[in-house]
Amino acid sequence: MNVHHLELFYYVAKHGGISSAVRNMPYGIQQPAVSGQILQLEEFLGVTLFHRRPFALTAAGQELYDFSKPFFTNLSFMADKLRGGISQHLRIAASETVLRRFLPEMLQELRRSFPKLKVSLREGYHPEVLAWLQNQEIDLAIGLLGGKPPGGIRALPMFDLSLALLVPKASPLASAEALWAQDRITDSLITVPSNELIQSALQEGLARRRVAWPVGIEVSSIELVQEYVARGYGIGVAVQLPEADFYPDVRVLPLRGFKPVTFGVLWQGRQTPVLQGLLEIVGQRARQLARQLPAGSPATGKPSARKQ
């Protein structure tokens, strides 16, 4: 018997159906793949394990579930026991700004509850962090969220962030609206890669205004966007943060009427005590940050309204 097929059946039986199992699997897998492998298991055994609509285990399915349940239920506990106790290792992916400015303080607070905490950090952005989660290369991603995540990955939105343009301090440009009035924008656009959520939201807003503004300089992080703006290479796009987070040589112009992006966390699998502890700390820090945002930002004073 293929043990992986047996594991998939265990989750289907436990959660009452294939779609529900996919949402609760400890690793990413698509619904068609689960269906196909369950069919292979049934063909190998020569029996039907459950009825699809409505879901119900057959007598053979119930017998197989009762057999496999003790093993898969206790598997994670056995892993923790062999490690010498509750696992205190977290693999985290986040943007450069989060890793540098916010995460050290949060990890220091987490270490008070988990003194043996071991952390592996990786710089990354959406959508590459989704692939890392699906491949079980990381446990948690902190940063901007896209749409509905793939099956097996859970999202916790925290607050929305407005888009903003960054111009050199000495620039005569008074507002973003003044750019849209120009026949042709001659300033070079400095932005993160086109598959990053900030750039996608910007281009969507420009398209609604029938404004064409091709990317002039593409860099890997918001920090580099600021660096090149400060040196006079063009106009950058970023999200509105507390003024202290921007370079003194740049000025912030709000992008009114543009769709905001959502900040939050992504993870996969069950919440271990150490993961749950970090989620609580991130939530507290997010609420503090929201109160520091400029007036008019959708994050000011309230969290994101998006559902988990």
C-alpha atoms as a PDB file:
ATOM      1  CA  MET A   1       0.000   0.000   0.000  1.00  0.00           C
ATOM      2  CA  ASN A   2       1.261   3.488  -0.889  1.00  0.00           C
ATOM      3  CA  VAL A   3       1.690   5.210   2.489  1.00  0.00           C
ATOM      4  CA  HIS A   4       1.294   8.690   0.961  1.00  0.00           C
ATOM      5  CA  HIS A   5      -2.070   7.647  -0.499  1.00  0.00           C
ATOM      6  CA  LEU A   6      -3.038   6.366   2.948  1.00  0.00           C
ATOM      7  CA  GLU A   7      -2.084   9.722   4.480  1.00  0.00           C
ATOM      8  CA  LEU A   8      -4.254  11.591   1.970  1.00  0.00           C
ATOM      9  CA  PHE A   9      -7.172   9.291   2.742  1.00  0.00           C
ATOM     10  CA  TYR A  10      -6.683   9.911   6.471  1.00  0.00           C
ATOM     11  CA  TYR A  11      -7.080  13.682   5.978  1.00  0.00           C
ATOM     12  CA  VAL A  12     -10.090  13.227   3.690  1.00  0.00           C
ATOM     13  CA  ALA A  13     -11.804  10.991   6.235  1.00  0.00           C
ATOM     14  CA  LYS A  14     -10.847  13.229   9.164  1.00  0.00           C
ATOM     15  CA  HIS A  15     -12.161  16.451   7.566  1.00  0.00           C
ATOM     16  CA  GLY A  16     -15.188  15.002   5.802  1.00  0.00           C
ATOM     17  CA  GLY A  17     -14.294  15.475   2.154  1.00  0.00           C
ATOM     18  CA  ILE A  18     -11.547  16.228  -0.333  1.00  0.00           C
ATOM     19  CA  SER A  19     -11.980  20.023  -0.516  1.00  0.00           C
ATOM     20  CA  SER A  20     -11.963  20.341   3.279  1.00  0.00           C
ATOM     21  CA  ALA A  21      -8.924  18.063   3.516  1.00  0.00           C
ATOM     22  CA  VAL A  22      -6.996  20.236   1.049  1.00  0.00           C
ATOM     23  CA  ARG A  23      -7.648  23.313   3.217  1.00  0.00           C
ATOM     24  CA  ASN A  24      -6.328  21.544   6.314  1.00  0.00           C
ATOM     25  CA  MET A  25      -3.376  19.581   4.939  1.00  0.00           C
ATOM     26  CA  PRO A  26      -0.017  20.394   6.580  1.00  0.00           C
ATOM     27  CA  TYR A  27       1.459  20.908   3.109  1.00  0.00           C
ATOM     28  CA  GLY A  28       0.195  22.297  -0.171  1.00  0.00           C
ATOM     29  CA  ILE A  29      -1.540  19.948  -2.611  1.00  0.00           C
ATOM     30  CA  GLN A  30      -4.257  20.594  -5.161  1.00  0.00           C
ATOM     31  CA  GLN A  31      -7.703  18.973  -5.053  1.00  0.00           C
ATOM     32  CA  PRO A  32      -7.353  17.069  -8.382  1.00  0.00           C
ATOM     33  CA  ALA A  33      -4.112  15.491  -7.140  1.00  0.00           C
ATOM     34  CA  VAL A  34      -5.814  14.267  -3.972  1.00  0.00           C
ATOM     35  CA  SER A  35      -8.763  12.877  -5.933  1.00  0.00           C
ATOM     36  CA  GLY A  36      -6.484  11.048  -8.338  1.00  0.00           C
ATOM     37  CA  GLN A  37      -4.357   9.468  -5.625  1.00  0.00           C
ATOM     38  CA  ILE A  38      -7.383   8.401  -3.576  1.00  0.00           C
ATOM     39  CA  LEU A  39      -8.726   6.670  -6.706  1.00  0.00           C
ATOM     40  CA  GLN A  40      -5.400   4.861  -7.066  1.00  0.00           C
ATOM     41  CA  LEU A  41      -5.690   3.705  -3.443  1.00  0.00           C
ATOM     42  CA  GLU A  42      -9.228   2.417  -4.050  1.00  0.00           C
ATOM     43  CA  GLU A  43      -8.126   0.609  -7.222  1.00  0.00           C
ATOM     44  CA  PHE A  44      -5.252  -1.013  -5.344  1.00  0.00           C
ATOM     45  CA  LEU A  45      -7.543  -2.179  -2.519  1.00  0.00           C
ATOM     46  CA  GLY A  46     -10.425  -3.070  -4.827  1.00  0.00           C
ATOM     47  CA  VAL A  47     -12.995  -1.280  -2.645  1.00  0.00           C
ATOM     48  CA  THR A  48     -14.768   2.082  -2.452  1.00  0.00           C
ATOM     49  CA  LEU A  49     -13.608   3.963   0.636  1.00  0.00           C
ATOM     50  CA  PHE A  50     -16.221   6.726   0.752  1.00  0.00           C
ATOM     51  CA  HIS A  51     -19.227   8.141  -1.041  1.00  0.00           C
ATOM     52  CA  ARG A  52     -18.552  11.558  -2.580  1.00  0.00           C
ATOM     53  CA  ARG A  53     -21.947  13.345  -2.464  1.00  0.00           C
ATOM     54  CA  PRO A  54     -22.855  13.514   0.309  1.00  0.00           C
ATOM     55  CA  PHE A  55     -19.602  12.445   1.926  1.00  0.00           C
ATOM     56  CA  ALA A  56     -19.799   9.253   3.957  1.00  0.00           C
ATOM     57  CA  LEU A  57     -17.259   6.553   4.716  1.00  0.00           C
ATOM     58  CA  THR A  58     -18.083   3.055   3.569  1.00  0.00           C
ATOM     59  CA  ALA A  59     -17.587   0.137   5.940  1.00  0.00           C
ATOM     60  CA  ALA A  60     -14.178  -0.503   4.353  1.00  0.00           C
ATOM     61  CA  GLY A  61     -13.306   3.189   4.581  1.00  0.00           C
ATOM     62  CA  GLN A  62     -14.230   3.339   8.257  1.00  0.00           C
ATOM     63  CA  GLU A  63     -12.101   0.268   8.982  1.00  0.00           C
ATOM     64  CA  LEU A  64      -9.108   1.776   7.159  1.00  0.00           C
ATOM     65  CA  TYR A  65      -9.551   5.161   8.903  1.00  0.00           C
ATOM     66  CA  ASP A  66      -9.714   3.490  12.348  1.00  0.00           C
ATOM     67  CA  PHE A  67      -6.509   1.636  11.494  1.00  0.00           C
ATOM     68  CA  SER A  68      -4.559   4.694  10.248  1.00  0.00           C
ATOM     69  CA  LYS A  69      -5.851   7.290  12.713  1.00  0.00           C
ATOM     70  CA  PRO A  70      -3.618   6.477  15.718  1.00  0.00           C
ATOM     71  CA  PHE A  71      -0.461   6.593  13.595  1.00  0.00           C
ATOM     72  CA  PHE A  72      -1.097   9.898  11.788  1.00  0.00           C
ATOM     73  CA  THR A  73      -2.635  11.573  14.847  1.00  0.00           C
ATOM     74  CA  ASN A  74       0.468  10.888  16.941  1.00  0.00           C
ATOM     75  CA  LEU A  75       3.056  11.470  14.236  1.00  0.00           C
ATOM     76  CA  SER A  76       3.748  15.125  15.068  1.00  0.00           C
ATOM     77  CA  PHE A  77       3.896  14.363  18.794  1.00  0.00           C
ATOM     78  CA  MET A  78       6.463  11.637  18.156  1.00  0.00           C
ATOM     79  CA  ALA A  79       8.547  14.069  16.087  1.00  0.00           C
ATOM     80  CA  ASP A  80       8.480  16.582  18.945  1.00  0.00           C
ATOM     81  CA  LYS A  81       9.439  13.856  21.421  1.00  0.00           C
ATOM     82  CA  LEU A  82      12.413  12.780  19.317  1.00  0.00           C
ATOM     83  CA  ARG A  83      13.529  16.404  19.078  1.00  0.00           C
ATOM     84  CA  GLY A  84      13.610  16.529  22.861  1.00  0.00           C
ATOM     85  CA  GLY A  85      10.388  18.425  23.392  1.00  0.00           C
ATOM     86  CA  ILE A  86       8.257  20.959  21.557  1.00  0.00           C
ATOM     87  CA  SER A  87       9.928  22.127  18.370  1.00  0.00           C
ATOM     88  CA  GLN A  88      11.272  25.658  18.747  1.00  0.00           C
ATOM     89  CA  HIS A  89      12.602  26.119  15.218  1.00  0.00           C
ATOM     90  CA  LEU A  90      10.915  28.666  12.938  1.00  0.00           C
ATOM     91  CA  ARG A  91      11.720  29.296   9.274  1.00  0.00           C
ATOM     92  CA  ILE A  92      10.493  32.772   8.328  1.00  0.00           C
ATOM     93  CA  ALA A  93      10.385  34.663   5.030  1.00  0.00           C
ATOM     94  CA  ALA A  94       9.759  38.406   4.877  1.00  0.00           C
ATOM     95  CA  SER A  95      10.699  41.539   2.982  1.00  0.00           C
ATOM     96  CA  GLU A  96      13.975  43.308   3.660  1.00  0.00           C
ATOM     97  CA  THR A  97      12.162  46.049   5.586  1.00  0.00           C
ATOM     98  CA  VAL A  98      10.373  43.572   7.875  1.00  0.00           C
ATOM     99  CA  LEU A  99      13.535  41.524   8.459  1.00  0.00           C
ATOM    100  CA  ARG A 100      15.643  44.562   9.254  1.00  0.00           C
ATOM    101  CA  ARG A 101      13.315  46.908  11.148  1.00  0.00           C
ATOM    102  CA  PHE A 102      10.555  44.887  12.784  1.00  0.00           C
ATOM    103  CA  LEU A 103      11.425  41.221  13.134  1.00  0.00           C
ATOM    104  CA  PRO A 104      14.458  41.488  15.503  1.00  0.00           C
ATOM    105  CA  GLU A 105      12.353  43.067  18.243  1.00  0.00           C
ATOM    106  CA  MET A 106       9.531  40.555  17.758  1.00  0.00           C
ATOM    107  CA  LEU A 107      11.916  37.588  17.885  1.00  0.00           C
ATOM    108  CA  GLN A 108      13.503  38.958  21.033  1.00  0.00           C
ATOM    109  CA  GLU A 109      10.073  39.033  22.676  1.00  0.00           C
ATOM    110  CA  LEU A 110       9.292  35.509  21.426  1.00  0.00           C
ATOM    111  CA  ARG A 111      12.556  34.207  22.858  1.00  0.00           C
ATOM    112  CA  ARG A 112      11.374  35.153  26.355  1.00  0.00           C
ATOM    113  CA  SER A 113       8.744  32.406  26.103  1.00  0.00           C
ATOM    114  CA  PHE A 114      10.894  30.027  24.047  1.00  0.00           C
ATOM    115  CA  PRO A 115      14.506  30.409  25.244  1.00  0.00           C
ATOM    116  CA  LYS A 116      15.727  27.602  22.950  1.00  0.00           C
ATOM    117  CA  LEU A 117      14.288  29.310  19.883  1.00  0.00           C
ATOM    118  CA  LYS A 118      16.151  28.696  16.629  1.00  0.00           C
ATOM    119  CA  VAL A 119      15.293  30.892  13.637  1.00  0.00           C
ATOM    120  CA  SER A 120      16.076  30.626   9.922  1.00  0.00           C
ATOM    121  CA  LEU A 121      15.390  33.846   7.994  1.00  0.00           C
ATOM    122  CA  ARG A 122      14.957  34.308   4.253  1.00  0.00           C
ATOM    123  CA  GLU A 123      14.284  37.477   2.284  1.00  0.00           C
ATOM    124  CA  GLY A 124      11.399  37.063  -0.128  1.00  0.00           C
ATOM    125  CA  TYR A 125       8.323  38.607  -1.674  1.00  0.00           C
ATOM    126  CA  HIS A 126       4.976  37.455  -2.957  1.00  0.00           C
ATOM    127  CA  PRO A 127       4.577  35.164  -4.957  1.00  0.00           C
ATOM    128  CA  GLU A 128       7.887  33.377  -4.322  1.00  0.00           C
ATOM    129  CA  VAL A 129       7.038  32.900  -0.632  1.00  0.00           C
ATOM    130  CA  LEU A 130       3.938  30.934  -1.699  1.00  0.00           C
ATOM    131  CA  ALA A 131       6.166  28.458  -3.521  1.00  0.00           C
ATOM    132  CA  TRP A 132       8.408  28.173  -0.453  1.00  0.00           C
ATOM    133  CA  LEU A 133       5.400  27.452   1.742  1.00  0.00           C
ATOM    134  CA  GLN A 134       4.045  24.839  -0.661  1.00  0.00           C
ATOM    135  CA  ASN A 135       7.450  23.170  -0.814  1.00  0.00           C
ATOM    136  CA  GLN A 136       7.654  23.294   3.006  1.00  0.00           C
ATOM    137  CA  GLU A 137      10.859  25.332   2.856  1.00  0.00           C
ATOM    138  CA  ILE A 138       9.492  27.898   5.337  1.00  0.00           C
ATOM    139  CA  ASP A 139       6.919  27.872   8.148  1.00  0.00           C
ATOM    140  CA  LEU A 140       5.700  31.474   7.991  1.00  0.00           C
ATOM    141  CA  ALA A 141       5.752  34.456   5.624  1.00  0.00           C
ATOM    142  CA  ILE A 142       5.247  38.034   6.846  1.00  0.00           C
ATOM    143  CA  GLY A 143       4.468  40.731   4.297  1.00  0.00           C
ATOM    144  CA  LEU A 144       1.994  41.716   1.621  1.00  0.00           C
ATOM    145  CA  LEU A 145      -0.804  39.303   0.748  1.00  0.00           C
ATOM    146  CA  GLY A 146      -2.254  38.625  -2.681  1.00  0.00           C
ATOM    147  CA  GLY A 147      -5.639  37.066  -3.422  1.00  0.00           C
ATOM    148  CA  LYS A 148      -6.898  33.774  -2.074  1.00  0.00           C
ATOM    149  CA  PRO A 149      -3.884  31.588  -1.237  1.00  0.00           C
ATOM    150  CA  PRO A 150      -3.483  28.066  -2.658  1.00  0.00           C
ATOM    151  CA  GLY A 151      -5.011  25.111  -0.848  1.00  0.00           C
ATOM    152  CA  GLY A 152      -3.312  24.244   2.414  1.00  0.00           C
ATOM    153  CA  ILE A 153      -1.936  27.753   2.977  1.00  0.00           C
ATOM    154  CA  ARG A 154      -3.657  29.975   5.509  1.00  0.00           C
ATOM    155  CA  ALA A 155      -3.724  33.765   5.436  1.00  0.00           C
ATOM    156  CA  LEU A 156      -4.262  36.224   8.272  1.00  0.00           C
ATOM    157  CA  PRO A 157      -4.745  39.795   6.953  1.00  0.00           C
ATOM    158  CA  MET A 158      -3.778  42.511   9.442  1.00  0.00           C
ATOM    159  CA  PHE A 159      -4.253  45.887   7.763  1.00  0.00           C
ATOM    160  CA  ASP A 160      -4.262  47.653   4.408  1.00  0.00           C
ATOM    161  CA  LEU A 161      -1.540  50.002   3.169  1.00  0.00           C
ATOM    162  CA  SER A 162      -2.057  52.847   0.698  1.00  0.00           C
ATOM    163  CA  LEU A 163       0.254  53.307  -2.262  1.00  0.00           C
ATOM    164  CA  ALA A 164       2.469  56.366  -2.476  1.00  0.00           C
ATOM    165  CA  LEU A 165       4.976  57.935  -4.835  1.00  0.00           C
ATOM    166  CA  LEU A 166       8.449  58.867  -3.651  1.00  0.00           C
ATOM    167  CA  VAL A 167      10.134  61.919  -5.159  1.00  0.00           C
ATOM    168  CA  PRO A 168      13.440  63.621  -4.366  1.00  0.00           C
ATOM    169  CA  LYS A 169      13.170  66.179  -1.571  1.00  0.00           C
ATOM    170  CA  ALA A 170      13.926  69.041  -3.981  1.00  0.00           C
ATOM    171  CA  SER A 171      11.364  67.955  -6.611  1.00  0.00           C
ATOM    172  CA  PRO A 172       8.816  70.678  -7.529  1.00  0.00           C
ATOM    173  CA  LEU A 173       6.090  68.029  -7.940  1.00  0.00           C
ATOM    174  CA  ALA A 174       3.353  68.828  -5.423  1.00  0.00           C
ATOM    175  CA  SER A 175       0.982  65.869  -5.948  1.00  0.00           C
ATOM    176  CA  ALA A 176       0.546  62.674  -7.902  1.00  0.00           C
ATOM    177  CA  GLU A 177      -2.448  64.194  -9.696  1.00  0.00           C
ATOM    178  CA  ALA A 178      -0.116  66.704 -11.339  1.00  0.00           C
ATOM    179  CA  LEU A 179       1.568  63.786 -13.115  1.00  0.00           C
ATOM    180  CA  TRP A 180      -1.678  62.477 -14.613  1.00  0.00           C
ATOM    181  CA  ALA A 181      -2.312  65.889 -16.165  1.00  0.00           C
ATOM    182  CA  GLN A 182       0.885  65.676 -18.204  1.00  0.00           C
ATOM    183  CA  ASP A 183       0.692  64.583 -21.836  1.00  0.00           C
ATOM    184  CA  ARG A 184       3.629  62.266 -21.260  1.00  0.00           C
ATOM    185  CA  ILE A 185       5.397  61.384 -18.017  1.00  0.00           C
ATOM    186  CA  THR A 186       9.093  61.858 -18.610  1.00  0.00           C
ATOM    187  CA  ASP A 187      10.313  60.890 -15.130  1.00  0.00           C
ATOM    188  CA  SER A 188      11.650  57.357 -14.883  1.00  0.00           C
ATOM    189  CA  LEU A 189       9.472  55.014 -12.802  1.00  0.00           C
ATOM    190  CA  ILE A 190      11.453  53.142 -10.128  1.00  0.00           C
ATOM    191  CA  THR A 191       9.697  50.104  -8.743  1.00  0.00           C
ATOM    192  CA  VAL A 192       9.924  46.569  -7.434  1.00  0.00           C
ATOM    193  CA  PRO A 193       9.477  43.672  -9.926  1.00  0.00           C
ATOM    194  CA  SER A 194       6.315  43.513 -12.008  1.00  0.00           C
ATOM    195  CA  ASN A 195       5.078  40.367 -10.227  1.00  0.00           C
ATOM    196  CA  GLU A 196       5.227  42.149  -6.843  1.00  0.00           C
ATOM    197  CA  LEU A 197       1.887  43.312  -5.423  1.00  0.00           C
ATOM    198  CA  ILE A 198       2.843  46.995  -5.169  1.00  0.00           C
ATOM    199  CA  GLN A 199       3.711  47.216  -8.856  1.00  0.00           C
ATOM    200  CA  SER A 200       0.547  45.302  -9.824  1.00  0.00           C
ATOM    201  CA  ALA A 201      -1.669  47.662  -7.804  1.00  0.00           C
ATOM    202  CA  LEU A 202       0.053  50.703  -9.334  1.00  0.00           C
ATOM    203  CA  GLN A 203      -0.401  49.523 -12.911  1.00  0.00           C
ATOM    204  CA  GLU A 204      -4.042  48.663 -12.239  1.00  0.00           C
ATOM    205  CA  GLY A 205      -4.679  52.209 -11.000  1.00  0.00           C
ATOM    206  CA  LEU A 206      -2.797  53.745 -13.916  1.00  0.00           C
ATOM    207  CA  ALA A 207      -4.847  51.691 -16.375  1.00  0.00           C
ATOM    208  CA  ARG A 208      -8.104  53.034 -14.873  1.00  0.00           C
ATOM    209  CA  ARG A 209      -6.785  56.566 -15.456  1.00  0.00           C
ATOM    210  CA  ARG A 210      -5.583  55.653 -18.950  1.00  0.00           C
ATOM    211  CA  VAL A 211      -2.069  56.645 -17.999  1.00  0.00           C
ATOM    212  CA  ALA A 212       0.901  54.829 -19.520  1.00  0.00           C
ATOM    213  CA  TRP A 213       4.035  54.888 -17.390  1.00  0.00           C
ATOM    214  CA  PRO A 214       6.498  52.116 -18.203  1.00  0.00           C
ATOM    215  CA  VAL A 215       9.045  50.973 -15.642  1.00  0.00           C
ATOM    216  CA  GLY A 216      12.414  52.677 -16.020  1.00  0.00           C
ATOM    217  CA  ILE A 217      14.342  51.027 -13.183  1.00  0.00           C
ATOM    218  CA  GLU A 218      13.363  47.761 -11.519  1.00  0.00           C
ATOM    219  CA  VAL A 219      14.980  46.977  -8.172  1.00  0.00           C
ATOM    220  CA  SER A 220      14.595  44.171  -5.641  1.00  0.00           C
ATOM    221  CA  SER A 221      13.275  46.048  -2.585  1.00  0.00           C
ATOM    222  CA  ILE A 222      11.601  49.211  -1.301  1.00  0.00           C
ATOM    223  CA  GLU A 223      14.913  50.159   0.317  1.00  0.00           C
ATOM    224  CA  LEU A 224      16.548  50.318  -3.119  1.00  0.00           C
ATOM    225  CA  VAL A 225      13.582  52.249  -4.535  1.00  0.00           C
ATOM    226  CA  GLN A 226      14.273  54.943  -1.931  1.00  0.00           C
ATOM    227  CA  GLU A 227      18.006  54.863  -2.622  1.00  0.00           C
ATOM    228  CA  TYR A 228      17.591  55.504  -6.336  1.00  0.00           C
ATOM    229  CA  VAL A 229      14.921  58.175  -5.791  1.00  0.00           C
ATOM    230  CA  ALA A 230      17.148  59.985  -3.306  1.00  0.00           C
ATOM    231  CA  ARG A 231      19.969  59.994  -5.888  1.00  0.00           C
ATOM    232  CA  GLY A 232      17.691  61.611  -8.486  1.00  0.00           C
ATOM    233  CA  TYR A 233      17.137  58.679 -10.861  1.00  0.00           C
ATOM    234  CA  GLY A 234      13.355  59.157 -11.033  1.00  0.00           C
ATOM    235  CA  ILE A 235      10.093  58.674  -9.120  1.00  0.00           C
ATOM    236  CA  GLY A 236       9.507  55.577  -7.004  1.00  0.00           C
ATOM    237  CA  VAL A 237       6.411  53.726  -5.887  1.00  0.00           C
ATOM    238  CA  ALA A 238       6.040  52.354  -2.352  1.00  0.00           C
ATOM    239  CA  VAL A 239       3.439  51.953   0.387  1.00  0.00           C
ATOM    240  CA  GLN A 240       2.675  54.582   2.996  1.00  0.00           C
ATOM    241  CA  LEU A 241       4.584  53.928   6.208  1.00  0.00           C
ATOM    242  CA  PRO A 242       5.355  56.124   9.212  1.00  0.00           C
ATOM    243  CA  GLU A 243       7.448  59.071   8.006  1.00  0.00           C
ATOM    244  CA  ALA A 244      10.394  57.911  10.097  1.00  0.00           C
ATOM    245  CA  ASP A 245      10.687  54.842   7.847  1.00  0.00           C
ATOM    246  CA  PHE A 246      11.544  56.911   4.753  1.00  0.00           C
ATOM    247  CA  TYR A 247      14.871  58.386   3.757  1.00  0.00           C
ATOM    248  CA  PRO A 248      15.280  62.072   4.703  1.00  0.00           C
ATOM    249  CA  ASP A 249      16.145  62.848   1.054  1.00  0.00           C
ATOM    250  CA  VAL A 250      12.773  61.684  -0.305  1.00  0.00           C
ATOM    251  CA  ARG A 251       9.271  63.139  -0.104  1.00  0.00           C
ATOM    252  CA  VAL A 252       6.030  61.116  -0.026  1.00  0.00           C
ATOM    253  CA  LEU A 253       3.106  61.860  -2.350  1.00  0.00           C
ATOM    254  CA  PRO A 254      -0.075  59.839  -1.552  1.00  0.00           C
ATOM    255  CA  LEU A 255      -1.672  57.962  -4.454  1.00  0.00           C
ATOM    256  CA  ARG A 256      -5.329  58.722  -3.796  1.00  0.00           C
ATOM    257  CA  GLY A 257      -7.898  56.451  -5.360  1.00  0.00           C
ATOM    258  CA  PHE A 258      -5.480  53.578  -5.926  1.00  0.00           C
ATOM    259  CA  LYS A 259      -6.302  50.154  -4.526  1.00  0.00           C
ATOM    260  CA  PRO A 260      -4.370  49.486  -1.299  1.00  0.00           C
ATOM    261  CA  VAL A 261      -2.351  46.344  -0.627  1.00  0.00           C
ATOM    262  CA  THR A 262      -2.849  44.136   2.416  1.00  0.00           C
ATOM    263  CA  PHE A 263      -0.226  43.293   5.016  1.00  0.00           C
ATOM    264  CA  GLY A 264      -0.463  40.038   6.936  1.00  0.00           C
ATOM    265  CA  VAL A 265       0.975  36.581   7.457  1.00  0.00           C
ATOM    266  CA  LEU A 266       0.847  33.257   5.624  1.00  0.00           C
ATOM    267  CA  TRP A 267       1.558  29.831   7.082  1.00  0.00           C
ATOM    268  CA  GLN A 268       0.892  26.169   6.434  1.00  0.00           C
ATOM    269  CA  GLY A 269      -0.102  23.304   8.688  1.00  0.00           C
ATOM    270  CA  ARG A 270      -1.056  23.288  12.338  1.00  0.00           C
ATOM    271  CA  GLN A 271      -0.069  26.103  14.657  1.00  0.00           C
ATOM    272  CA  THR A 272       2.689  24.913  16.959  1.00  0.00           C
ATOM    273  CA  PRO A 273       3.039  26.779  20.273  1.00  0.00           C
ATOM    274  CA  VAL A 274       6.034  28.750  18.962  1.00  0.00           C
ATOM    275  CA  LEU A 275       4.224  29.659  15.725  1.00  0.00           C
ATOM    276  CA  GLN A 276       1.143  30.710  17.659  1.00  0.00           C
ATOM    277  CA  GLY A 277       3.317  32.839  19.924  1.00  0.00           C
ATOM    278  CA  LEU A 278       4.866  34.657  16.975  1.00  0.00           C
ATOM    279  CA  LEU A 279       1.464  35.235  15.350  1.00  0.00           C
ATOM    280  CA  GLU A 280       0.252  36.931  18.539  1.00  0.00           C
ATOM    281  CA  ILE A 281       3.346  39.153  18.671  1.00  0.00           C
ATOM    282  CA  VAL A 282       3.052  40.070  14.984  1.00  0.00           C
ATOM    283  CA  GLY A 283      -0.605  40.982  15.540  1.00  0.00           C
ATOM    284  CA  GLN A 284       0.283  43.276  18.454  1.00  0.00           C
ATOM    285  CA  ARG A 285       3.054  44.958  16.456  1.00  0.00           C
ATOM    286  CA  ALA A 286       0.752  45.373  13.464  1.00  0.00           C
ATOM    287  CA  ARG A 287      -1.832  47.190  15.578  1.00  0.00           C
ATOM    288  CA  GLN A 288       0.870  49.526  16.904  1.00  0.00           C
ATOM    289  CA  LEU A 289       2.127  50.215  13.386  1.00  0.00           C
ATOM    290  CA  ALA A 290      -1.389  50.922  12.115  1.00  0.00           C
ATOM    291  CA  ARG A 291      -1.774  53.694  14.697  1.00  0.00           C
ATOM    292  CA  GLN A 292       1.453  55.341  13.459  1.00  0.00           C
ATOM    293  CA  LEU A 293       0.442  55.496   9.802  1.00  0.00           C
ATOM    294  CA  PRO A 294      -0.291  58.843   8.127  1.00  0.00           C
ATOM    295  CA  ALA A 295      -3.829  60.233   8.350  1.00  0.00           C
ATOM    296  CA  GLY A 296      -5.970  59.045   5.458  1.00  0.00           C
ATOM    297  CA  SER A 297      -4.319  55.653   5.177  1.00  0.00           C
ATOM    298  CA  PRO A 298      -6.878  52.814   5.198  1.00  0.00           C
ATOM    299  CA  ALA A 299      -4.855  51.138   7.929  1.00  0.00           C
ATOM    300  CA  THR A 300      -5.103  54.092  10.330  1.00  0.00           C
ATOM    301  CA  GLY A 301      -6.995  53.088  13.419  1.00  0.00           C
ATOM    302  CA  LYS A 302      -8.435  49.813  12.095  1.00  0.00           C
ATOM    303  CA  PRO A 303      -7.263  46.449  10.799  1.00  0.00           C
ATOM    304  CA  SER A 304      -7.983  45.039   7.393  1.00  0.00           C
ATOM    305  CA  ALA A 305     -11.601  44.037   6.889  1.00  0.00           C
ATOM    306  CA  ARG A 306     -10.688  41.031   4.769  1.00  0.00           C
ATOM    307  CA  LYS A 307     -11.608  37.646   6.148  1.00  0.00           C
ATOM    308  CA  GLN A 308      -9.079  35.083   7.231  1.00  0.00           C
END
